[in-house]
N, C-alpha and C. Protein backbone atom coordinates (compact mmCIF):
# COMPACT_ATOMS: atom_id res chain seq x y z
N UNK A 1 -61.52 92.15 -229.90
CA UNK A 1 -60.42 91.90 -229.01
C UNK A 1 -60.18 93.07 -228.08
N UNK A 2 -61.23 93.79 -227.80
CA UNK A 2 -61.20 94.88 -226.82
C UNK A 2 -60.20 95.97 -227.18
N UNK A 3 -59.89 96.13 -228.45
CA UNK A 3 -58.96 97.17 -228.88
C UNK A 3 -57.52 96.86 -228.54
N UNK A 4 -57.20 95.62 -228.24
CA UNK A 4 -55.84 95.22 -227.88
C UNK A 4 -55.18 94.51 -229.05
N UNK A 5 -53.87 94.53 -229.07
CA UNK A 5 -53.13 93.74 -230.06
C UNK A 5 -53.29 92.27 -229.70
N UNK A 6 -53.06 91.36 -230.66
CA UNK A 6 -53.19 89.93 -230.34
C UNK A 6 -52.31 89.51 -229.15
N UNK A 7 -51.10 90.03 -229.11
CA UNK A 7 -50.19 89.70 -228.01
C UNK A 7 -50.74 90.17 -226.67
N UNK A 8 -51.22 91.40 -226.63
CA UNK A 8 -51.77 91.95 -225.38
C UNK A 8 -53.05 91.23 -224.97
N UNK A 9 -53.85 90.83 -225.96
CA UNK A 9 -55.09 90.11 -225.65
C UNK A 9 -54.77 88.76 -225.01
N UNK A 10 -53.79 88.05 -225.60
CA UNK A 10 -53.41 86.75 -225.04
C UNK A 10 -52.81 86.93 -223.64
N UNK A 11 -52.01 87.97 -223.46
CA UNK A 11 -51.44 88.26 -222.13
C UNK A 11 -52.53 88.51 -221.11
N UNK A 12 -53.51 89.29 -221.51
CA UNK A 12 -54.62 89.59 -220.60
C UNK A 12 -55.39 88.32 -220.26
N UNK A 13 -55.63 87.48 -221.27
CA UNK A 13 -56.36 86.23 -221.04
C UNK A 13 -55.58 85.31 -220.10
N UNK A 14 -54.28 85.18 -220.33
CA UNK A 14 -53.47 84.30 -219.48
C UNK A 14 -53.29 84.87 -218.07
N UNK A 15 -53.29 86.18 -217.96
CA UNK A 15 -53.17 86.81 -216.64
C UNK A 15 -54.40 86.54 -215.79
N UNK A 16 -55.54 86.32 -216.44
CA UNK A 16 -56.78 86.07 -215.71
C UNK A 16 -56.97 84.60 -215.35
N UNK A 17 -56.11 83.73 -215.87
CA UNK A 17 -56.20 82.30 -215.54
C UNK A 17 -55.58 82.10 -214.16
N UNK A 18 -56.27 81.34 -213.31
CA UNK A 18 -55.75 81.06 -211.97
C UNK A 18 -54.46 80.26 -212.07
N UNK A 19 -53.60 80.46 -211.12
CA UNK A 19 -52.30 79.79 -211.11
C UNK A 19 -52.45 78.28 -211.15
N UNK A 20 -53.44 77.77 -210.42
CA UNK A 20 -53.66 76.33 -210.38
C UNK A 20 -54.07 75.77 -211.74
N UNK A 21 -54.77 76.56 -212.53
CA UNK A 21 -55.27 76.10 -213.82
C UNK A 21 -54.31 76.40 -214.96
N UNK A 22 -53.26 77.17 -214.71
CA UNK A 22 -52.35 77.59 -215.77
C UNK A 22 -51.68 76.41 -216.46
N UNK A 23 -51.18 75.47 -215.68
CA UNK A 23 -50.48 74.33 -216.28
C UNK A 23 -51.42 73.51 -217.15
N UNK A 24 -52.63 73.27 -216.67
CA UNK A 24 -53.60 72.51 -217.47
C UNK A 24 -53.94 73.24 -218.76
N UNK A 25 -54.06 74.56 -218.67
CA UNK A 25 -54.37 75.37 -219.85
C UNK A 25 -53.25 75.27 -220.88
N UNK A 26 -52.01 75.35 -220.42
CA UNK A 26 -50.88 75.31 -221.34
C UNK A 26 -50.62 73.92 -221.88
N UNK A 27 -50.95 72.90 -221.11
CA UNK A 27 -50.78 71.53 -221.60
C UNK A 27 -51.73 71.22 -222.75
N UNK A 28 -52.85 71.92 -222.79
CA UNK A 28 -53.84 71.68 -223.84
C UNK A 28 -53.46 72.35 -225.17
N UNK A 29 -52.44 73.21 -225.15
CA UNK A 29 -52.04 73.92 -226.38
C UNK A 29 -51.31 72.98 -227.34
N UNK A 30 -51.65 73.04 -228.62
CA UNK A 30 -50.85 72.30 -229.60
C UNK A 30 -49.49 72.98 -229.79
N UNK A 31 -48.55 72.26 -230.37
CA UNK A 31 -47.19 72.77 -230.50
C UNK A 31 -47.12 74.08 -231.29
N UNK A 32 -47.88 74.20 -232.36
CA UNK A 32 -47.82 75.42 -233.18
C UNK A 32 -48.26 76.64 -232.37
N UNK A 33 -49.29 76.49 -231.55
CA UNK A 33 -49.73 77.61 -230.71
C UNK A 33 -48.73 77.89 -229.59
N UNK A 34 -48.11 76.84 -229.08
CA UNK A 34 -47.09 77.02 -228.04
C UNK A 34 -45.91 77.80 -228.59
N UNK A 35 -45.54 77.54 -229.85
CA UNK A 35 -44.45 78.27 -230.48
C UNK A 35 -44.81 79.75 -230.66
N UNK A 36 -46.05 80.02 -231.04
CA UNK A 36 -46.51 81.42 -231.15
C UNK A 36 -46.48 82.09 -229.78
N UNK A 37 -46.92 81.37 -228.78
CA UNK A 37 -46.94 81.92 -227.42
C UNK A 37 -45.53 82.23 -226.94
N UNK A 38 -44.58 81.36 -227.27
CA UNK A 38 -43.18 81.61 -226.90
C UNK A 38 -42.65 82.88 -227.58
N UNK A 39 -43.10 83.13 -228.79
CA UNK A 39 -42.65 84.36 -229.47
C UNK A 39 -43.26 85.60 -228.83
N UNK A 40 -44.45 85.47 -228.23
CA UNK A 40 -45.08 86.60 -227.53
C UNK A 40 -44.37 86.91 -226.21
N UNK A 41 -43.80 85.91 -225.60
CA UNK A 41 -43.24 86.06 -224.25
C UNK A 41 -42.16 87.15 -224.18
N UNK A 42 -41.35 87.26 -225.23
CA UNK A 42 -40.27 88.25 -225.17
C UNK A 42 -40.82 89.67 -225.09
N UNK A 43 -41.98 89.92 -225.70
CA UNK A 43 -42.60 91.25 -225.61
C UNK A 43 -43.20 91.50 -224.23
N UNK A 44 -43.67 90.45 -223.60
CA UNK A 44 -44.33 90.60 -222.31
C UNK A 44 -43.36 90.90 -221.18
N UNK A 45 -42.09 90.54 -221.37
CA UNK A 45 -41.12 90.76 -220.28
C UNK A 45 -40.80 92.23 -220.09
N UNK A 46 -41.24 93.09 -220.99
CA UNK A 46 -41.01 94.53 -220.83
C UNK A 46 -41.69 95.02 -219.56
N UNK A 47 -42.86 94.43 -219.26
CA UNK A 47 -43.60 94.80 -218.06
C UNK A 47 -43.02 94.01 -216.87
N UNK A 48 -42.39 94.68 -215.89
CA UNK A 48 -41.79 93.96 -214.76
C UNK A 48 -42.80 93.18 -213.93
N UNK A 49 -44.06 93.57 -213.97
CA UNK A 49 -45.07 92.86 -213.19
C UNK A 49 -45.39 91.50 -213.79
N UNK A 50 -45.04 91.28 -215.04
CA UNK A 50 -45.40 90.04 -215.73
C UNK A 50 -44.24 89.06 -215.86
N UNK A 51 -43.09 89.38 -215.29
CA UNK A 51 -41.92 88.51 -215.45
C UNK A 51 -42.17 87.14 -214.83
N UNK A 52 -42.80 87.10 -213.68
CA UNK A 52 -43.08 85.81 -213.03
C UNK A 52 -44.02 84.97 -213.88
N UNK A 53 -45.07 85.59 -214.40
CA UNK A 53 -46.01 84.89 -215.27
C UNK A 53 -45.30 84.36 -216.51
N UNK A 54 -44.46 85.18 -217.13
CA UNK A 54 -43.73 84.77 -218.33
C UNK A 54 -42.82 83.58 -218.02
N UNK A 55 -42.15 83.61 -216.89
CA UNK A 55 -41.27 82.50 -216.50
C UNK A 55 -42.06 81.22 -216.28
N UNK A 56 -43.20 81.34 -215.63
CA UNK A 56 -44.03 80.15 -215.42
C UNK A 56 -44.50 79.56 -216.75
N UNK A 57 -44.97 80.43 -217.64
CA UNK A 57 -45.46 79.96 -218.94
C UNK A 57 -44.32 79.32 -219.73
N UNK A 58 -43.16 79.98 -219.77
CA UNK A 58 -42.02 79.45 -220.51
C UNK A 58 -41.59 78.10 -219.96
N UNK A 59 -41.57 77.97 -218.65
CA UNK A 59 -41.15 76.71 -218.03
C UNK A 59 -42.09 75.57 -218.41
N UNK A 60 -43.38 75.81 -218.31
CA UNK A 60 -44.36 74.76 -218.63
C UNK A 60 -44.27 74.39 -220.11
N UNK A 61 -44.18 75.39 -220.97
CA UNK A 61 -44.11 75.11 -222.41
C UNK A 61 -42.83 74.37 -222.77
N UNK A 62 -41.71 74.76 -222.17
CA UNK A 62 -40.45 74.07 -222.45
C UNK A 62 -40.48 72.63 -221.96
N UNK A 63 -41.06 72.39 -220.79
CA UNK A 63 -41.14 71.03 -220.28
C UNK A 63 -42.07 70.17 -221.12
N UNK A 64 -43.15 70.77 -221.56
CA UNK A 64 -44.16 70.01 -222.31
C UNK A 64 -43.69 69.69 -223.73
N UNK A 65 -43.12 70.66 -224.41
CA UNK A 65 -42.79 70.51 -225.83
C UNK A 65 -41.29 70.45 -226.08
N UNK A 66 -40.54 69.96 -225.12
CA UNK A 66 -39.08 69.97 -225.22
C UNK A 66 -38.58 69.27 -226.49
N UNK A 67 -39.02 68.05 -226.72
CA UNK A 67 -38.52 67.28 -227.87
C UNK A 67 -38.81 67.98 -229.19
N UNK A 68 -40.00 68.52 -229.33
CA UNK A 68 -40.35 69.20 -230.57
C UNK A 68 -39.59 70.52 -230.72
N UNK A 69 -39.40 71.23 -229.62
CA UNK A 69 -38.66 72.50 -229.68
C UNK A 69 -37.20 72.28 -230.08
N UNK A 70 -36.61 71.22 -229.59
CA UNK A 70 -35.21 70.93 -229.91
C UNK A 70 -35.04 70.59 -231.39
N UNK A 71 -36.00 69.87 -231.95
CA UNK A 71 -35.88 69.43 -233.34
C UNK A 71 -36.40 70.44 -234.35
N UNK A 72 -37.10 71.46 -233.92
CA UNK A 72 -37.64 72.46 -234.85
C UNK A 72 -36.63 73.59 -235.03
N UNK A 73 -36.14 73.80 -236.26
CA UNK A 73 -35.13 74.84 -236.49
C UNK A 73 -35.66 76.25 -236.25
N UNK A 74 -36.93 76.50 -236.50
CA UNK A 74 -37.47 77.86 -236.33
C UNK A 74 -37.62 78.23 -234.85
N UNK A 75 -37.56 77.26 -233.96
CA UNK A 75 -37.72 77.53 -232.54
C UNK A 75 -36.43 78.02 -231.90
N UNK A 76 -35.29 77.66 -232.50
CA UNK A 76 -33.99 77.99 -231.90
C UNK A 76 -33.79 79.50 -231.71
N UNK A 77 -34.04 80.36 -232.71
CA UNK A 77 -33.84 81.79 -232.48
C UNK A 77 -34.79 82.36 -231.43
N UNK A 78 -36.02 81.87 -231.42
CA UNK A 78 -36.99 82.34 -230.42
C UNK A 78 -36.52 81.97 -229.02
N UNK A 79 -36.04 80.76 -228.88
CA UNK A 79 -35.59 80.29 -227.56
C UNK A 79 -34.32 81.02 -227.11
N UNK A 80 -33.40 81.27 -228.01
CA UNK A 80 -32.16 81.95 -227.60
C UNK A 80 -32.44 83.40 -227.20
N UNK A 81 -33.31 84.09 -227.94
CA UNK A 81 -33.68 85.46 -227.58
C UNK A 81 -34.41 85.46 -226.24
N UNK A 82 -35.33 84.53 -226.09
CA UNK A 82 -36.11 84.43 -224.85
C UNK A 82 -35.19 84.14 -223.66
N UNK A 83 -34.20 83.27 -223.87
CA UNK A 83 -33.25 82.95 -222.79
C UNK A 83 -32.51 84.20 -222.33
N UNK A 84 -32.00 84.96 -223.28
CA UNK A 84 -31.25 86.17 -222.93
C UNK A 84 -32.13 87.20 -222.22
N UNK A 85 -33.32 87.41 -222.75
CA UNK A 85 -34.22 88.40 -222.16
C UNK A 85 -34.67 87.97 -220.77
N UNK A 86 -35.08 86.71 -220.64
CA UNK A 86 -35.56 86.23 -219.34
C UNK A 86 -34.44 86.25 -218.30
N UNK A 87 -33.24 85.89 -218.70
CA UNK A 87 -32.13 85.92 -217.75
C UNK A 87 -31.93 87.33 -217.22
N UNK A 88 -31.94 88.31 -218.12
CA UNK A 88 -31.73 89.70 -217.70
C UNK A 88 -32.88 90.19 -216.82
N UNK A 89 -34.12 89.88 -217.20
CA UNK A 89 -35.28 90.37 -216.44
C UNK A 89 -35.36 89.71 -215.06
N UNK A 90 -35.08 88.43 -215.02
CA UNK A 90 -35.12 87.73 -213.73
C UNK A 90 -34.01 88.26 -212.82
N UNK A 91 -32.85 88.55 -213.39
CA UNK A 91 -31.77 89.14 -212.59
C UNK A 91 -32.18 90.50 -212.05
N UNK A 92 -32.84 91.32 -212.87
CA UNK A 92 -33.32 92.63 -212.40
C UNK A 92 -34.31 92.46 -211.24
N UNK A 93 -35.25 91.53 -211.41
CA UNK A 93 -36.24 91.29 -210.34
C UNK A 93 -35.57 90.79 -209.07
N UNK A 94 -34.57 89.93 -209.25
CA UNK A 94 -33.85 89.40 -208.10
C UNK A 94 -33.10 90.52 -207.38
N UNK A 95 -32.50 91.43 -208.14
CA UNK A 95 -31.79 92.56 -207.54
C UNK A 95 -32.75 93.47 -206.79
N UNK A 96 -33.90 93.74 -207.38
CA UNK A 96 -34.89 94.59 -206.72
C UNK A 96 -35.37 93.94 -205.43
N UNK A 97 -35.64 92.63 -205.50
CA UNK A 97 -36.08 91.91 -204.30
C UNK A 97 -35.01 91.94 -203.22
N UNK A 98 -33.76 91.72 -203.61
CA UNK A 98 -32.66 91.75 -202.65
C UNK A 98 -32.54 93.11 -201.99
N UNK A 99 -32.64 94.16 -202.80
CA UNK A 99 -32.57 95.52 -202.26
C UNK A 99 -33.72 95.78 -201.30
N UNK A 100 -34.93 95.39 -201.71
CA UNK A 100 -36.10 95.60 -200.85
C UNK A 100 -35.99 94.82 -199.54
N UNK A 101 -35.50 93.59 -199.61
CA UNK A 101 -35.33 92.80 -198.39
C UNK A 101 -34.30 93.45 -197.46
N UNK A 102 -33.22 93.96 -198.04
CA UNK A 102 -32.20 94.63 -197.22
C UNK A 102 -32.78 95.89 -196.57
N UNK A 103 -33.57 96.63 -197.34
CA UNK A 103 -34.19 97.85 -196.79
C UNK A 103 -35.17 97.50 -195.67
N UNK A 104 -35.96 96.45 -195.87
CA UNK A 104 -36.91 96.04 -194.84
C UNK A 104 -36.19 95.55 -193.59
N UNK A 105 -35.08 94.85 -193.78
CA UNK A 105 -34.30 94.39 -192.63
C UNK A 105 -33.73 95.58 -191.87
N UNK A 106 -33.26 96.58 -192.59
CA UNK A 106 -32.75 97.80 -191.96
C UNK A 106 -33.85 98.50 -191.16
N UNK A 107 -35.03 98.63 -191.77
CA UNK A 107 -36.17 99.25 -191.07
C UNK A 107 -36.56 98.45 -189.83
N UNK A 108 -36.49 97.14 -189.95
CA UNK A 108 -36.81 96.28 -188.81
C UNK A 108 -35.84 96.53 -187.65
N UNK A 109 -34.56 96.67 -187.98
CA UNK A 109 -33.56 96.95 -186.95
C UNK A 109 -33.79 98.31 -186.31
N UNK A 110 -34.11 99.32 -187.14
CA UNK A 110 -34.39 100.65 -186.60
C UNK A 110 -35.59 100.64 -185.66
N UNK A 111 -36.63 99.93 -186.06
CA UNK A 111 -37.82 99.85 -185.22
C UNK A 111 -37.53 99.10 -183.93
N UNK A 112 -36.69 98.08 -184.02
CA UNK A 112 -36.33 97.34 -182.81
C UNK A 112 -35.56 98.23 -181.84
N UNK A 113 -34.69 99.06 -182.37
CA UNK A 113 -33.95 99.98 -181.51
C UNK A 113 -34.88 100.98 -180.85
N UNK A 114 -35.83 101.50 -181.61
CA UNK A 114 -36.76 102.47 -181.04
C UNK A 114 -37.67 101.83 -180.01
N UNK A 115 -38.13 100.62 -180.28
CA UNK A 115 -39.04 99.99 -179.33
C UNK A 115 -38.29 99.59 -178.06
N UNK A 116 -37.01 99.23 -178.18
CA UNK A 116 -36.22 98.91 -176.99
C UNK A 116 -35.97 100.15 -176.15
N UNK A 117 -35.88 101.29 -176.79
CA UNK A 117 -35.61 102.53 -176.05
C UNK A 117 -36.73 102.83 -175.07
N UNK A 118 -37.93 102.47 -175.42
CA UNK A 118 -39.06 102.71 -174.52
C UNK A 118 -38.95 101.86 -173.26
N UNK A 119 -38.33 100.69 -173.36
CA UNK A 119 -38.31 99.76 -172.25
C UNK A 119 -36.92 99.58 -171.64
N UNK A 120 -36.00 100.50 -171.92
CA UNK A 120 -34.65 100.35 -171.38
C UNK A 120 -34.64 100.36 -169.86
N UNK A 121 -35.39 101.26 -169.25
CA UNK A 121 -35.39 101.33 -167.79
C UNK A 121 -36.57 100.57 -167.18
N UNK A 122 -37.21 99.73 -167.97
CA UNK A 122 -38.37 98.99 -167.47
C UNK A 122 -37.99 98.02 -166.36
N UNK A 123 -36.82 97.40 -166.48
CA UNK A 123 -36.41 96.43 -165.47
C UNK A 123 -36.19 97.11 -164.12
N UNK A 124 -35.52 98.25 -164.13
CA UNK A 124 -35.29 98.95 -162.86
C UNK A 124 -36.60 99.45 -162.27
N UNK A 125 -37.49 99.94 -163.14
CA UNK A 125 -38.81 100.39 -162.66
C UNK A 125 -39.56 99.23 -162.03
N UNK A 126 -39.51 98.08 -162.67
CA UNK A 126 -40.20 96.91 -162.15
C UNK A 126 -39.64 96.52 -160.78
N UNK A 127 -38.33 96.55 -160.65
CA UNK A 127 -37.72 96.22 -159.36
C UNK A 127 -38.12 97.23 -158.29
N UNK A 128 -38.18 98.51 -158.64
CA UNK A 128 -38.62 99.53 -157.69
C UNK A 128 -40.05 99.29 -157.24
N UNK A 129 -40.91 99.00 -158.19
CA UNK A 129 -42.33 98.76 -157.87
C UNK A 129 -42.46 97.55 -156.97
N UNK A 130 -41.72 96.49 -157.26
CA UNK A 130 -41.78 95.29 -156.42
C UNK A 130 -41.27 95.58 -155.01
N UNK A 131 -40.22 96.38 -154.91
CA UNK A 131 -39.68 96.73 -153.59
C UNK A 131 -40.70 97.54 -152.79
N UNK A 132 -41.34 98.51 -153.43
CA UNK A 132 -42.37 99.31 -152.76
C UNK A 132 -43.53 98.42 -152.32
N UNK A 133 -43.92 97.50 -153.18
CA UNK A 133 -45.02 96.60 -152.85
C UNK A 133 -44.67 95.72 -151.65
N UNK A 134 -43.46 95.20 -151.64
CA UNK A 134 -43.07 94.35 -150.51
C UNK A 134 -42.98 95.16 -149.21
N UNK A 135 -42.54 96.43 -149.30
CA UNK A 135 -42.51 97.28 -148.10
C UNK A 135 -43.92 97.51 -147.58
N UNK A 136 -44.87 97.74 -148.48
CA UNK A 136 -46.27 97.93 -148.05
C UNK A 136 -46.80 96.68 -147.36
N UNK A 137 -46.49 95.54 -147.93
CA UNK A 137 -46.97 94.28 -147.33
C UNK A 137 -46.34 94.08 -145.95
N UNK A 138 -45.04 94.38 -145.83
CA UNK A 138 -44.38 94.26 -144.53
C UNK A 138 -45.00 95.22 -143.52
N UNK A 139 -45.28 96.43 -143.96
CA UNK A 139 -45.88 97.42 -143.06
C UNK A 139 -47.26 96.95 -142.61
N UNK A 140 -48.02 96.38 -143.51
CA UNK A 140 -49.36 95.89 -143.14
C UNK A 140 -49.26 94.77 -142.11
N UNK A 141 -48.34 93.84 -142.37
CA UNK A 141 -48.22 92.73 -141.42
C UNK A 141 -47.73 93.23 -140.06
N UNK A 142 -46.84 94.22 -140.05
CA UNK A 142 -46.37 94.77 -138.78
C UNK A 142 -47.51 95.45 -138.03
N UNK A 143 -48.33 96.20 -138.73
CA UNK A 143 -49.45 96.88 -138.05
C UNK A 143 -50.44 95.85 -137.55
N UNK A 144 -50.67 94.80 -138.29
CA UNK A 144 -51.58 93.75 -137.82
C UNK A 144 -51.03 93.09 -136.56
N UNK A 145 -49.74 92.79 -136.60
CA UNK A 145 -49.12 92.16 -135.44
C UNK A 145 -49.19 93.08 -134.21
N UNK A 146 -48.96 94.38 -134.43
CA UNK A 146 -49.04 95.34 -133.32
C UNK A 146 -50.46 95.39 -132.76
N UNK A 147 -51.44 95.40 -133.65
CA UNK A 147 -52.83 95.44 -133.19
C UNK A 147 -53.16 94.18 -132.39
N UNK A 148 -52.67 93.05 -132.87
CA UNK A 148 -52.94 91.81 -132.14
C UNK A 148 -52.25 91.83 -130.77
N UNK A 149 -51.04 92.36 -130.70
CA UNK A 149 -50.34 92.46 -129.42
C UNK A 149 -51.10 93.37 -128.46
N UNK A 150 -51.56 94.51 -129.00
CA UNK A 150 -52.30 95.45 -128.16
C UNK A 150 -53.57 94.80 -127.64
N UNK A 151 -54.25 94.03 -128.51
CA UNK A 151 -55.47 93.36 -128.08
C UNK A 151 -55.15 92.37 -126.96
N UNK A 152 -54.07 91.63 -127.14
CA UNK A 152 -53.70 90.66 -126.13
C UNK A 152 -53.35 91.35 -124.82
N UNK A 153 -52.61 92.45 -124.91
CA UNK A 153 -52.26 93.19 -123.70
C UNK A 153 -53.50 93.74 -123.04
N UNK A 154 -54.40 94.26 -123.86
CA UNK A 154 -55.62 94.82 -123.32
C UNK A 154 -56.45 93.73 -122.65
N UNK A 155 -56.54 92.57 -123.32
CA UNK A 155 -57.30 91.46 -122.73
C UNK A 155 -56.65 91.03 -121.43
N UNK A 156 -55.34 90.89 -121.47
CA UNK A 156 -54.66 90.43 -120.25
C UNK A 156 -54.77 91.49 -119.14
N UNK A 157 -54.72 92.77 -119.49
CA UNK A 157 -54.86 93.81 -118.46
C UNK A 157 -56.30 93.86 -117.97
N UNK A 158 -57.27 93.62 -118.85
CA UNK A 158 -58.67 93.58 -118.43
C UNK A 158 -58.91 92.39 -117.52
N UNK A 159 -58.31 91.26 -117.83
CA UNK A 159 -58.49 90.08 -117.00
C UNK A 159 -57.85 90.30 -115.63
N UNK A 160 -56.71 90.94 -115.59
CA UNK A 160 -56.06 91.22 -114.31
C UNK A 160 -56.86 92.22 -113.50
N UNK A 161 -57.48 93.13 -114.20
CA UNK A 161 -58.28 94.14 -113.50
C UNK A 161 -59.48 93.48 -112.85
N UNK A 162 -60.06 92.50 -113.38
CA UNK A 162 -61.24 91.83 -112.84
C UNK A 162 -60.88 90.88 -111.72
N UNK A 163 -59.68 90.46 -111.76
CA UNK A 163 -59.32 89.52 -110.71
C UNK A 163 -58.83 90.15 -109.48
C-alpha cells in the first residue's frame, strides 16, 4: 500500500479517479464499504485541498444509500460527526473564497484606476491631433488652389501676350 495507512491509500486512489467517473465508482460500492468510506471522510477533511472531494463523495454516498443509512443504527454517529465537520470545513472554504474574491475585486479596481491614469488626457490629445491634421489638410488644399490660380493667371497672361 505504498507505505500509506488504509485511509490515506483510499484517499489517494479516489483522488486519482476522474470527476466524471467518480459517481460510477461510488455507485458500485456495496453498503458496508460505503459505510467504511464515510468513516474515512472525517479524517480527510483535515486537508483543506480535499474538502471538495469529500463533499462530492459524501453527497453521492448519501444519495445512493440513504434508506440503508437511515435504518442502520451504527451509521448515525458517523453521519452526525461528518455533518458537523463538513459544515465547519465548508464554511471555512467559503470564507476563504469570499475573502479571495474581495481581494481580487479590490486589485481589479486598483488596476483599473492605474490603467485609466495613462489615458486620462488621451481624449484631449486626440482632439489636438485631429485639429492639427485638419489644419494640414486645409493648408494643402489652399496651396493647391493658389497654384491652380497662378497657372490660370499665367495661362491667361500668356494667351494675352500672344494676341
